[in-house]
Structure formats: structure tokens, C-alpha cells
Amino acid sequence: MVLSKIRILKIVIGLALGFLLVVGLLLFLPKIEETKLLYATSGDSYDTAAYGNFSQSLQAGISVNKQKLAALSVRKLKTYDAIYLD
């Protein structure tokens, strides 16, 4: 199969435009960077100072959740990036 120069040029231009479209989408789509922190307690009592420090963290994009450790499954624990045991 012999391709003419015009067909090869169309294929190259199409591939280049497709590549530029993909690169443009990756560069300009909003990126969500979030760190999920679980503050796991053994009961109703917990260190309010430590929890307050995590809640007022200067790190951008951190979400702190406080839950009882006994009520969590392995699947739920895997959704967090960091776990603080109290």
C-alpha cells in the first residue's frame, strides 16, 4: 500500500493536533490535591488540643475527620492518606 504525500501529511497533522489537545487538557484542567486525615479515637474522650491542631493545619487541601476506630472497616481505612490514633 503506497500512501501519497498528502495522506501522510494529513495523518501527521491529525496526530499532532490530537497530541496537542491531550497535552492542553492535562495542563489546564483543574487539579484537586487533597490530603485525607483520620483522627481515630477509642471512645468519646479525645485530645482536643491535638484535634484542634490538625483542624487548623496550615497545609492547604487537608480534610480532617474524627471517628471511632471500632466503627471503621478496612475499606474505609484505606480511603485515608494518614491516620492518627488517639
PDB file of N, CA and C in Angstrom:
ATOM      1  N   MET A   1       0.842  -1.168   0.000  1.00  0.00           N
ATOM      2  CA  MET A   1       0.000   0.000   0.000  1.00  0.00           C
ATOM      3  C   MET A   1       0.892   1.238   0.000  1.00  0.00           C
ATOM      4  N   VAL A   2       0.734   2.036  -0.964  1.00  0.00           N
ATOM      5  CA  VAL A   2       1.535   3.241  -1.115  1.00  0.00           C
ATOM      6  C   VAL A   2       0.669   4.436  -0.727  1.00  0.00           C
ATOM      7  N   LEU A   3       1.155   5.203   0.243  1.00  0.00           N
ATOM      8  CA  LEU A   3       0.428   6.392   0.672  1.00  0.00           C
ATOM      9  C   LEU A   3       1.008   7.606  -0.031  1.00  0.00           C
ATOM     10  N   SER A   4       0.142   8.454  -0.471  1.00  0.00           N
ATOM     11  CA  SER A   4       0.627   9.663  -1.121  1.00  0.00           C
ATOM     12  C   SER A   4       1.121  10.651  -0.070  1.00  0.00           C
ATOM     13  N   LYS A   5       1.841  11.647  -0.500  1.00  0.00           N
ATOM     14  CA  LYS A   5       2.395  12.638   0.412  1.00  0.00           C
ATOM     15  C   LYS A   5       1.283  13.411   1.116  1.00  0.00           C
ATOM     16  N   ILE A   6       0.173  13.629   0.433  1.00  0.00           N
ATOM     17  CA  ILE A   6      -0.949  14.368   1.029  1.00  0.00           C
ATOM     18  C   ILE A   6      -1.573  13.559   2.162  1.00  0.00           C
ATOM     19  N   ARG A   7      -1.749  12.253   1.966  1.00  0.00           N
ATOM     20  CA  ARG A   7      -2.315  11.404   3.023  1.00  0.00           C
ATOM     21  C   ARG A   7      -1.395  11.355   4.230  1.00  0.00           C
ATOM     22  N   ILE A   8      -0.106  11.230   3.990  1.00  0.00           N
ATOM     23  CA  ILE A   8       0.858  11.183   5.099  1.00  0.00           C
ATOM     24  C   ILE A   8       0.833  12.500   5.855  1.00  0.00           C
ATOM     25  N   LEU A   9       0.735  13.598   5.140  1.00  0.00           N
ATOM     26  CA  LEU A   9       0.672  14.917   5.770  1.00  0.00           C
ATOM     27  C   LEU A   9      -0.592  15.053   6.619  1.00  0.00           C
ATOM     28  N   LYS A  10      -1.728  14.572   6.119  1.00  0.00           N
ATOM     29  CA  LYS A  10      -2.976  14.626   6.887  1.00  0.00           C
ATOM     30  C   LYS A  10      -2.881  13.783   8.157  1.00  0.00           C
ATOM     31  N   ILE A  11      -2.271  12.621   8.055  1.00  0.00           N
ATOM     32  CA  ILE A  11      -2.120  11.747   9.224  1.00  0.00           C
ATOM     33  C   ILE A  11      -1.218  12.398  10.258  1.00  0.00           C
ATOM     34  N   VAL A  12      -0.107  12.971   9.823  1.00  0.00           N
ATOM     35  CA  VAL A  12       0.829  13.624  10.744  1.00  0.00           C
ATOM     36  C   VAL A  12       0.171  14.830  11.410  1.00  0.00           C
ATOM     37  N   ILE A  13      -0.556  15.624  10.640  1.00  0.00           N
ATOM     38  CA  ILE A  13      -1.243  16.783  11.214  1.00  0.00           C
ATOM     39  C   ILE A  13      -2.315  16.340  12.211  1.00  0.00           C
ATOM     40  N   GLY A  14      -3.054  15.317  11.883  1.00  0.00           N
ATOM     41  CA  GLY A  14      -4.081  14.798  12.797  1.00  0.00           C
ATOM     42  C   GLY A  14      -3.481  14.288  14.097  1.00  0.00           C
ATOM     43  N   LEU A  15      -2.379  13.552  14.003  1.00  0.00           N
ATOM     44  CA  LEU A  15      -1.721  13.061  15.211  1.00  0.00           C
ATOM     45  C   LEU A  15      -1.173  14.208  16.062  1.00  0.00           C
ATOM     46  N   ALA A  16      -0.609  15.211  15.406  1.00  0.00           N
ATOM     47  CA  ALA A  16      -0.063  16.362  16.139  1.00  0.00           C
ATOM     48  C   ALA A  16      -1.174  17.136  16.831  1.00  0.00           C
ATOM     49  N   LEU A  17      -2.290  17.352  16.156  1.00  0.00           N
ATOM     50  CA  LEU A  17      -3.411  18.061  16.788  1.00  0.00           C
ATOM     51  C   LEU A  17      -3.996  17.262  17.951  1.00  0.00           C
ATOM     52  N   GLY A  18      -4.086  15.958  17.794  1.00  0.00           N
ATOM     53  CA  GLY A  18      -4.570  15.108  18.888  1.00  0.00           C
ATOM     54  C   GLY A  18      -3.641  15.162  20.091  1.00  0.00           C
ATOM     55  N   PHE A  19      -2.353  15.132  19.830  1.00  0.00           N
ATOM     56  CA  PHE A  19      -1.375  15.216  20.914  1.00  0.00           C
ATOM     57  C   PHE A  19      -1.467  16.562  21.616  1.00  0.00           C
ATOM     58  N   LEU A  20      -1.577  17.644  20.857  1.00  0.00           N
ATOM     59  CA  LEU A  20      -1.695  18.974  21.456  1.00  0.00           C
ATOM     60  C   LEU A  20      -2.978  19.108  22.264  1.00  0.00           C
ATOM     61  N   LEU A  21      -4.059  18.511  21.822  1.00  0.00           N
ATOM     62  CA  LEU A  21      -5.316  18.541  22.562  1.00  0.00           C
ATOM     63  C   LEU A  21      -5.186  17.821  23.895  1.00  0.00           C
ATOM     64  N   VAL A  22      -4.566  16.658  23.890  1.00  0.00           N
ATOM     65  CA  VAL A  22      -4.382  15.899  25.134  1.00  0.00           C
ATOM     66  C   VAL A  22      -3.483  16.661  26.102  1.00  0.00           C
ATOM     67  N   VAL A  23      -2.392  17.212  25.621  1.00  0.00           N
ATOM     68  CA  VAL A  23      -1.482  17.983  26.474  1.00  0.00           C
ATOM     69  C   VAL A  23      -2.182  19.221  27.026  1.00  0.00           C
ATOM     70  N   GLY A  24      -2.956  19.899  26.198  1.00  0.00           N
ATOM     71  CA  GLY A  24      -3.695  21.070  26.654  1.00  0.00           C
ATOM     72  C   GLY A  24      -4.706  20.729  27.730  1.00  0.00           C
ATOM     73  N   LEU A  25      -5.414  19.621  27.569  1.00  0.00           N
ATOM     74  CA  LEU A  25      -6.374  19.200  28.599  1.00  0.00           C
ATOM     75  C   LEU A  25      -5.681  18.875  29.909  1.00  0.00           C
ATOM     76  N   LEU A  26      -4.560  18.192  29.845  1.00  0.00           N
ATOM     77  CA  LEU A  26      -3.847  17.835  31.064  1.00  0.00           C
ATOM     78  C   LEU A  26      -3.279  19.054  31.782  1.00  0.00           C
ATOM     79  N   LEU A  27      -2.892  20.055  31.042  1.00  0.00           N
ATOM     80  CA  LEU A  27      -2.298  21.246  31.657  1.00  0.00           C
ATOM     81  C   LEU A  27      -3.340  22.184  32.258  1.00  0.00           C
ATOM     82  N   PHE A  28      -4.508  22.285  31.651  1.00  0.00           N
ATOM     83  CA  PHE A  28      -5.444  23.316  32.046  1.00  0.00           C
ATOM     84  C   PHE A  28      -6.667  22.818  32.806  1.00  0.00           C
ATOM     85  N   LEU A  29      -6.868  21.528  32.940  1.00  0.00           N
ATOM     86  CA  LEU A  29      -7.967  21.037  33.766  1.00  0.00           C
ATOM     87  C   LEU A  29      -7.630  21.263  35.236  1.00  0.00           C
ATOM     88  N   PRO A  30      -8.607  21.589  36.045  1.00  0.00           N
ATOM     89  CA  PRO A  30      -8.308  21.834  37.467  1.00  0.00           C
ATOM     90  C   PRO A  30      -7.864  20.547  38.158  1.00  0.00           C
ATOM     91  N   LYS A  31      -6.864  20.708  38.989  1.00  0.00           N
ATOM     92  CA  LYS A  31      -6.324  19.569  39.720  1.00  0.00           C
ATOM     93  C   LYS A  31      -6.779  19.669  41.173  1.00  0.00           C
ATOM     94  N   ILE A  32      -7.231  18.573  41.725  1.00  0.00           N
ATOM     95  CA  ILE A  32      -7.677  18.542  43.113  1.00  0.00           C
ATOM     96  C   ILE A  32      -6.626  17.798  43.918  1.00  0.00           C
ATOM     97  N   GLU A  33      -5.967  18.538  44.791  1.00  0.00           N
ATOM     98  CA  GLU A  33      -4.976  17.928  45.671  1.00  0.00           C
ATOM     99  C   GLU A  33      -5.500  18.027  47.089  1.00  0.00           C
ATOM    100  N   GLU A  34      -5.803  16.882  47.667  1.00  0.00           N
ATOM    101  CA  GLU A  34      -6.385  16.851  48.995  1.00  0.00           C
ATOM    102  C   GLU A  34      -5.734  15.732  49.791  1.00  0.00           C
ATOM    103  N   THR A  35      -5.461  16.010  51.043  1.00  0.00           N
ATOM    104  CA  THR A  35      -4.942  15.008  51.959  1.00  0.00           C
ATOM    105  C   THR A  35      -6.040  14.682  52.952  1.00  0.00           C
ATOM    106  N   LYS A  36      -6.391  13.418  53.037  1.00  0.00           N
ATOM    107  CA  LYS A  36      -7.438  12.990  53.966  1.00  0.00           C
ATOM    108  C   LYS A  36      -6.777  12.424  55.218  1.00  0.00           C
ATOM    109  N   LEU A  37      -7.092  13.032  56.355  1.00  0.00           N
ATOM    110  CA  LEU A  37      -6.540  12.618  57.641  1.00  0.00           C
ATOM    111  C   LEU A  37      -7.670  12.113  58.513  1.00  0.00           C
ATOM    112  N   LEU A  38      -7.488  10.946  59.079  1.00  0.00           N
ATOM    113  CA  LEU A  38      -8.457  10.385  60.016  1.00  0.00           C
ATOM    114  C   LEU A  38      -7.904  10.510  61.422  1.00  0.00           C
ATOM    115  N   TYR A  39      -8.662  11.136  62.301  1.00  0.00           N
ATOM    116  CA  TYR A  39      -8.320  11.221  63.715  1.00  0.00           C
ATOM    117  C   TYR A  39      -9.163  10.145  64.407  1.00  0.00           C
ATOM    118  N   ALA A  40      -8.563   9.005  64.660  1.00  0.00           N
ATOM    119  CA  ALA A  40      -9.281   7.848  65.197  1.00  0.00           C
ATOM    120  C   ALA A  40      -9.205   7.842  66.716  1.00  0.00           C
ATOM    121  N   THR A  41     -10.354   7.740  67.357  1.00  0.00           N
ATOM    122  CA  THR A  41     -10.428   7.708  68.817  1.00  0.00           C
ATOM    123  C   THR A  41     -10.946   6.352  69.266  1.00  0.00           C
ATOM    124  N   SER A  42     -10.673   6.042  70.528  1.00  0.00           N
ATOM    125  CA  SER A  42     -11.145   4.773  71.066  1.00  0.00           C
ATOM    126  C   SER A  42     -12.504   4.921  71.738  1.00  0.00           C
ATOM    127  N   GLY A  43     -12.936   6.133  71.955  1.00  0.00           N
ATOM    128  CA  GLY A  43     -14.226   6.358  72.605  1.00  0.00           C
ATOM    129  C   GLY A  43     -14.643   7.803  72.436  1.00  0.00           C
ATOM    130  N   ASP A  44     -15.385   8.301  73.443  1.00  0.00           N
ATOM    131  CA  ASP A  44     -15.858   9.682  73.359  1.00  0.00           C
ATOM    132  C   ASP A  44     -14.800  10.686  73.794  1.00  0.00           C
ATOM    133  N   SER A  45     -13.833  10.260  74.589  1.00  0.00           N
ATOM    134  CA  SER A  45     -12.805  11.194  75.045  1.00  0.00           C
ATOM    135  C   SER A  45     -11.637  11.207  74.055  1.00  0.00           C
ATOM    136  N   TYR A  46     -11.138  12.410  73.781  1.00  0.00           N
ATOM    137  CA  TYR A  46     -10.012  12.555  72.871  1.00  0.00           C
ATOM    138  C   TYR A  46      -9.252  13.818  73.233  1.00  0.00           C
ATOM    139  N   ASP A  47      -8.061  13.928  72.698  1.00  0.00           N
ATOM    140  CA  ASP A  47      -7.200  15.080  72.955  1.00  0.00           C
ATOM    141  C   ASP A  47      -7.670  16.240  72.075  1.00  0.00           C
ATOM    142  N   THR A  48      -8.367  17.196  72.682  1.00  0.00           N
ATOM    143  CA  THR A  48      -8.936  18.296  71.907  1.00  0.00           C
ATOM    144  C   THR A  48      -7.848  19.202  71.324  1.00  0.00           C
ATOM    145  N   ALA A  49      -6.718  19.324  72.008  1.00  0.00           N
ATOM    146  CA  ALA A  49      -5.642  20.164  71.501  1.00  0.00           C
ATOM    147  C   ALA A  49      -5.045  19.568  70.219  1.00  0.00           C
ATOM    148  N   ALA A  50      -4.823  18.270  70.216  1.00  0.00           N
ATOM    149  CA  ALA A  50      -4.260  17.625  69.024  1.00  0.00           C
ATOM    150  C   ALA A  50      -5.243  17.699  67.859  1.00  0.00           C
ATOM    151  N   TYR A  51      -6.510  17.448  68.136  1.00  0.00           N
ATOM    152  CA  TYR A  51      -7.523  17.523  67.079  1.00  0.00           C
ATOM    153  C   TYR A  51      -7.641  18.951  66.550  1.00  0.00           C
ATOM    154  N   GLY A  52      -7.574  19.927  67.442  1.00  0.00           N
ATOM    155  CA  GLY A  52      -7.629  21.328  67.029  1.00  0.00           C
ATOM    156  C   GLY A  52      -6.446  21.712  66.172  1.00  0.00           C
ATOM    157  N   ASN A  53      -5.268  21.198  66.509  1.00  0.00           N
ATOM    158  CA  ASN A  53      -4.080  21.495  65.694  1.00  0.00           C
ATOM    159  C   ASN A  53      -4.208  20.913  64.290  1.00  0.00           C
ATOM    160  N   PHE A  54      -4.738  19.710  64.192  1.00  0.00           N
ATOM    161  CA  PHE A  54      -4.939  19.115  62.866  1.00  0.00           C
ATOM    162  C   PHE A  54      -5.993  19.887  62.084  1.00  0.00           C
ATOM    163  N   SER A  55      -7.048  20.303  62.743  1.00  0.00           N
ATOM    164  CA  SER A  55      -8.120  21.029  62.063  1.00  0.00           C
ATOM    165  C   SER A  55      -7.657  22.389  61.567  1.00  0.00           C
ATOM    166  N   GLN A  56      -6.754  23.024  62.299  1.00  0.00           N
ATOM    167  CA  GLN A  56      -6.263  24.348  61.922  1.00  0.00           C
ATOM    168  C   GLN A  56      -4.913  24.279  61.218  1.00  0.00           C
ATOM    169  N   SER A  57      -4.638  23.173  60.583  1.00  0.00           N
ATOM    170  CA  SER A  57      -3.361  22.977  59.910  1.00  0.00           C
ATOM    171  C   SER A  57      -3.173  24.011  58.801  1.00  0.00           C
ATOM    172  N   LEU A  58      -1.937  24.403  58.597  1.00  0.00           N
ATOM    173  CA  LEU A  58      -1.616  25.369  57.552  1.00  0.00           C
ATOM    174  C   LEU A  58      -1.490  24.716  56.183  1.00  0.00           C
ATOM    175  N   GLN A  59      -1.523  23.403  56.148  1.00  0.00           N
ATOM    176  CA  GLN A  59      -1.430  22.715  54.870  1.00  0.00           C
ATOM    177  C   GLN A  59      -2.717  22.930  54.086  1.00  0.00           C
ATOM    178  N   ALA A  60      -2.580  23.356  52.861  1.00  0.00           N
ATOM    179  CA  ALA A  60      -3.753  23.580  52.013  1.00  0.00           C
ATOM    180  C   ALA A  60      -4.304  22.244  51.536  1.00  0.00           C
ATOM    181  N   GLY A  61      -5.602  22.130  51.535  1.00  0.00           N
ATOM    182  CA  GLY A  61      -6.244  20.933  50.999  1.00  0.00           C
ATOM    183  C   GLY A  61      -6.286  19.763  51.942  1.00  0.00           C
ATOM    184  N   ILE A  62      -6.273  19.999  53.244  1.00  0.00           N
ATOM    185  CA  ILE A  62      -6.358  18.893  54.193  1.00  0.00           C
ATOM    186  C   ILE A  62      -7.782  18.812  54.726  1.00  0.00           C
ATOM    187  N   SER A  63      -8.291  17.612  54.815  1.00  0.00           N
ATOM    188  CA  SER A  63      -9.595  17.401  55.425  1.00  0.00           C
ATOM    189  C   SER A  63      -9.418  16.425  56.576  1.00  0.00           C
ATOM    190  N   VAL A  64      -9.884  16.837  57.759  1.00  0.00           N
ATOM    191  CA  VAL A  64      -9.718  16.051  58.980  1.00  0.00           C
ATOM    192  C   VAL A  64     -11.077  15.502  59.385  1.00  0.00           C
ATOM    193  N   ASN A  65     -11.142  14.197  59.588  1.00  0.00           N
ATOM    194  CA  ASN A  65     -12.357  13.543  60.065  1.00  0.00           C
ATOM    195  C   ASN A  65     -12.054  12.856  61.384  1.00  0.00           C
ATOM    196  N   LYS A  66     -12.977  12.981  62.351  1.00  0.00           N
ATOM    197  CA  LYS A  66     -12.817  12.316  63.645  1.00  0.00           C
ATOM    198  C   LYS A  66     -13.887  11.235  63.748  1.00  0.00           C
ATOM    199  N   GLN A  67     -13.436   9.985  63.959  1.00  0.00           N
ATOM    200  CA  GLN A  67     -14.365   8.864  64.074  1.00  0.00           C
ATOM    201  C   GLN A  67     -13.824   7.868  65.083  1.00  0.00           C
ATOM    202  N   LYS A  68     -14.721   7.030  65.566  1.00  0.00           N
ATOM    203  CA  LYS A  68     -14.312   5.953  66.471  1.00  0.00           C
ATOM    204  C   LYS A  68     -13.673   4.845  65.655  1.00  0.00           C
ATOM    205  N   LEU A  69     -12.571   4.344  66.144  1.00  0.00           N
ATOM    206  CA  LEU A  69     -11.817   3.325  65.411  1.00  0.00           C
ATOM    207  C   LEU A  69     -12.601   2.025  65.290  1.00  0.00           C
ATOM    208  N   ALA A  70     -13.385   1.690  66.304  1.00  0.00           N
ATOM    209  CA  ALA A  70     -14.140   0.435  66.285  1.00  0.00           C
ATOM    210  C   ALA A  70     -15.214   0.435  65.204  1.00  0.00           C
ATOM    211  N   ALA A  71     -15.662   1.612  64.790  1.00  0.00           N
ATOM    212  CA  ALA A  71     -16.733   1.699  63.799  1.00  0.00           C
ATOM    213  C   ALA A  71     -16.222   1.700  62.364  1.00  0.00           C
ATOM    214  N   LEU A  72     -14.918   1.574  62.172  1.00  0.00           N
ATOM    215  CA  LEU A  72     -14.343   1.664  60.831  1.00  0.00           C
ATOM    216  C   LEU A  72     -13.957   0.291  60.296  1.00  0.00           C
ATOM    217  N   SER A  73     -14.208   0.097  59.022  1.00  0.00           N
ATOM    218  CA  SER A  73     -13.790  -1.143  58.367  1.00  0.00           C
ATOM    219  C   SER A  73     -12.456  -0.910  57.654  1.00  0.00           C
ATOM    220  N   VAL A  74     -11.883  -1.978  57.171  1.00  0.00           N
ATOM    221  CA  VAL A  74     -10.606  -1.877  56.460  1.00  0.00           C
ATOM    222  C   VAL A  74     -10.781  -1.064  55.181  1.00  0.00           C
ATOM    223  N   ARG A  75     -11.903  -1.229  54.514  1.00  0.00           N
ATOM    224  CA  ARG A  75     -12.157  -0.482  53.283  1.00  0.00           C
ATOM    225  C   ARG A  75     -12.220   1.018  53.555  1.00  0.00           C
ATOM    226  N   LYS A  76     -12.853   1.420  54.639  1.00  0.00           N
ATOM    227  CA  LYS A  76     -12.924   2.837  54.988  1.00  0.00           C
ATOM    228  C   LYS A  76     -11.548   3.369  55.388  1.00  0.00           C
ATOM    229  N   LEU A  77     -10.760   2.548  56.078  1.00  0.00           N
ATOM    230  CA  LEU A  77      -9.425   2.990  56.481  1.00  0.00           C
ATOM    231  C   LEU A  77      -8.520   3.216  55.276  1.00  0.00           C
ATOM    232  N   LYS A  78      -8.700   2.448  54.225  1.00  0.00           N
ATOM    233  CA  LYS A  78      -7.863   2.589  53.037  1.00  0.00           C
ATOM    234  C   LYS A  78      -8.138   3.867  52.263  1.00  0.00           C
ATOM    235  N   THR A  79      -9.268   4.524  52.522  1.00  0.00           N
ATOM    236  CA  THR A  79      -9.583   5.758  51.799  1.00  0.00           C
ATOM    237  C   THR A  79      -8.824   6.961  52.344  1.00  0.00           C
ATOM    238  N   TYR A  80      -8.190   6.823  53.508  1.00  0.00           N
ATOM    239  CA  TYR A  80      -7.470   7.943  54.124  1.00  0.00           C
ATOM    240  C   TYR A  80      -5.989   7.874  53.768  1.00  0.00           C
ATOM    241  N   ASP A  81      -5.388   9.069  53.655  1.00  0.00           N
ATOM    242  CA  ASP A  81      -3.958   9.148  53.384  1.00  0.00           C
ATOM    243  C   ASP A  81      -3.130   8.993  54.647  1.00  0.00           C
ATOM    244  N   ALA A  82      -3.663   9.463  55.782  1.00  0.00           N
ATOM    245  CA  ALA A  82      -2.952   9.396  57.065  1.00  0.00           C
ATOM    246  C   ALA A  82      -3.978   9.107  58.152  1.00  0.00           C
ATOM    247  N   ILE A  83      -3.536   8.351  59.157  1.00  0.00           N
ATOM    248  CA  ILE A  83      -4.408   8.009  60.283  1.00  0.00           C
ATOM    249  C   ILE A  83      -3.664   8.327  61.557  1.00  0.00           C
ATOM    250  N   TYR A  84      -4.294   9.124  62.430  1.00  0.00           N
ATOM    251  CA  TYR A  84      -3.713   9.472  63.732  1.00  0.00           C
ATOM    252  C   TYR A  84      -4.527   8.741  64.790  1.00  0.00           C
ATOM    253  N   LEU A  85      -3.873   7.861  65.541  1.00  0.00           N
ATOM    254  CA  LEU A  85      -4.561   7.088  66.575  1.00  0.00           C
ATOM    255  C   LEU A  85      -4.436   7.812  67.908  1.00  0.00           C
ATOM    256  N   ASP A  86      -5.561   8.036  68.556  1.00  0.00           N
ATOM    257  CA  ASP A  86      -5.570   8.679  69.867  1.00  0.00           C
ATOM    258  C   ASP A  86      -6.035   7.667  70.893  1.00  0.00           C
TER     259      ASP A  86
END
